[in-house]
Amino acid sequence: MAAKYVAKLLDTKLDDVSRTGLIFEGSGIDHAHIKLIPMHGTANISKWNPTTTYLDKYFKKYEGYLSSHESLRK
């Protein structure tokens, strides 16, 4: 996948980045919107501790912003 390839490039080319977030948007359309967010300040972290935040909110209509919260799985 092209987004993963570019994310790995960001991880290796930016001095203070070792992780890049991928946010997928617009899954109800016929093309992908993928946002790559370099996580500055992660280069010297020896062990990654993921943060989990859940938000029980579903958008029936795009509200004009992105959220990195995880959704509750049913």
C-alpha atoms as a PDB file:
ATOM      1  CA  MET A   1       0.000   0.000   0.000  1.00  0.00           C
ATOM      2  CA  ALA A   2       1.366   3.419  -0.956  1.00  0.00           C
ATOM      3  CA  ALA A   3       0.395   5.075   2.340  1.00  0.00           C
ATOM      4  CA  LYS A   4       2.398   2.553   4.365  1.00  0.00           C
ATOM      5  CA  TYR A   5       5.399   3.036   2.090  1.00  0.00           C
ATOM      6  CA  VAL A   6       5.278   6.832   2.513  1.00  0.00           C
ATOM      7  CA  ALA A   7       4.758   6.451   6.289  1.00  0.00           C
ATOM      8  CA  LYS A   8       7.938   4.362   6.497  1.00  0.00           C
ATOM      9  CA  LEU A   9       9.778   7.044   4.497  1.00  0.00           C
ATOM     10  CA  LEU A  10       8.651   9.669   7.019  1.00  0.00           C
ATOM     11  CA  ASP A  11       9.823   7.428   9.867  1.00  0.00           C
ATOM     12  CA  THR A  12      13.309   7.084   8.381  1.00  0.00           C
ATOM     13  CA  LYS A  13      13.823  10.573   6.894  1.00  0.00           C
ATOM     14  CA  LEU A  14      12.586  12.760   9.778  1.00  0.00           C
ATOM     15  CA  ASP A  15      15.143  12.828  12.610  1.00  0.00           C
ATOM     16  CA  ASP A  16      12.742  12.847  15.573  1.00  0.00           C
ATOM     17  CA  VAL A  17      10.073  10.524  14.101  1.00  0.00           C
ATOM     18  CA  SER A  18       9.934   6.740  14.436  1.00  0.00           C
ATOM     19  CA  ARG A  19       6.157   6.321  14.103  1.00  0.00           C
ATOM     20  CA  THR A  20       3.586   7.778  11.709  1.00  0.00           C
ATOM     21  CA  GLY A  21      -0.148   7.628  12.265  1.00  0.00           C
ATOM     22  CA  LEU A  22      -2.518   6.709   9.437  1.00  0.00           C
ATOM     23  CA  ILE A  23      -6.088   8.004   9.528  1.00  0.00           C
ATOM     24  CA  PHE A  24      -8.519   6.681   6.946  1.00  0.00           C
ATOM     25  CA  GLU A  25     -11.431   8.916   5.992  1.00  0.00           C
ATOM     26  CA  GLY A  26     -14.359   8.559   3.623  1.00  0.00           C
ATOM     27  CA  SER A  27     -14.827   4.801   3.500  1.00  0.00           C
ATOM     28  CA  GLY A  28     -18.307   5.275   2.006  1.00  0.00           C
ATOM     29  CA  ILE A  29     -16.944   6.655  -1.268  1.00  0.00           C
ATOM     30  CA  ASP A  30     -15.136   5.124  -4.218  1.00  0.00           C
ATOM     31  CA  HIS A  31     -11.686   6.447  -3.319  1.00  0.00           C
ATOM     32  CA  ALA A  32      -9.545   6.712  -0.197  1.00  0.00           C
ATOM     33  CA  HIS A  33      -8.618   9.731   1.885  1.00  0.00           C
ATOM     34  CA  ILE A  34      -5.590   8.738   3.951  1.00  0.00           C
ATOM     35  CA  LYS A  35      -3.938  11.214   6.289  1.00  0.00           C
ATOM     36  CA  LEU A  36      -0.346  10.565   7.400  1.00  0.00           C
ATOM     37  CA  ILE A  37       0.619  12.188  10.699  1.00  0.00           C
ATOM     38  CA  PRO A  38       4.301  11.987  11.728  1.00  0.00           C
ATOM     39  CA  MET A  39       4.588  11.576  15.499  1.00  0.00           C
ATOM     40  CA  HIS A  40       7.422  13.982  16.314  1.00  0.00           C
ATOM     41  CA  GLY A  41       9.389  13.150  19.450  1.00  0.00           C
ATOM     42  CA  THR A  42       9.058   9.371  19.094  1.00  0.00           C
ATOM     43  CA  ALA A  43      12.560   8.613  17.794  1.00  0.00           C
ATOM     44  CA  ASN A  44      14.083   7.922  21.222  1.00  0.00           C
ATOM     45  CA  ILE A  45      11.239   5.898  22.726  1.00  0.00           C
ATOM     46  CA  SER A  46      12.557   2.411  23.503  1.00  0.00           C
ATOM     47  CA  LYS A  47       9.147   0.802  24.169  1.00  0.00           C
ATOM     48  CA  TRP A  48       5.915   1.993  22.589  1.00  0.00           C
ATOM     49  CA  ASN A  49       2.943   2.195  24.948  1.00  0.00           C
ATOM     50  CA  PRO A  50      -0.204   2.756  22.895  1.00  0.00           C
ATOM     51  CA  THR A  51      -2.889   5.021  24.305  1.00  0.00           C
ATOM     52  CA  THR A  52      -6.427   3.775  23.886  1.00  0.00           C
ATOM     53  CA  THR A  53      -9.366   6.156  23.949  1.00  0.00           C
ATOM     54  CA  TYR A  54     -12.872   5.152  22.994  1.00  0.00           C
ATOM     55  CA  LEU A  55     -15.586   7.518  21.847  1.00  0.00           C
ATOM     56  CA  ASP A  56     -19.097   6.171  21.403  1.00  0.00           C
ATOM     57  CA  LYS A  57     -20.082   8.506  18.575  1.00  0.00           C
ATOM     58  CA  TYR A  58     -21.073   7.611  15.027  1.00  0.00           C
ATOM     59  CA  PHE A  59     -21.346  10.203  12.269  1.00  0.00           C
ATOM     60  CA  LYS A  60     -24.131   9.669   9.762  1.00  0.00           C
ATOM     61  CA  LYS A  61     -22.943  12.795   7.968  1.00  0.00           C
ATOM     62  CA  TYR A  62     -19.393  14.157   7.788  1.00  0.00           C
ATOM     63  CA  GLU A  63     -19.055  16.866  10.432  1.00  0.00           C
ATOM     64  CA  GLY A  64     -15.930  18.445   8.967  1.00  0.00           C
ATOM     65  CA  TYR A  65     -13.192  17.094  11.214  1.00  0.00           C
ATOM     66  CA  LEU A  66     -11.177  13.944  11.920  1.00  0.00           C
ATOM     67  CA  SER A  67     -10.832  12.140  15.219  1.00  0.00           C
ATOM     68  CA  SER A  68      -8.216   9.597  16.210  1.00  0.00           C
ATOM     69  CA  HIS A  69     -10.444   7.969  18.829  1.00  0.00           C
ATOM     70  CA  GLU A  70     -11.125   4.285  18.525  1.00  0.00           C
ATOM     71  CA  SER A  71     -14.735   3.270  18.105  1.00  0.00           C
ATOM     72  CA  LEU A  72     -16.478   0.755  20.299  1.00  0.00           C
ATOM     73  CA  ARG A  73     -16.617  -2.570  18.486  1.00  0.00           C
ATOM     74  CA  LYS A  74     -19.861  -4.508  18.519  1.00  0.00           C
END
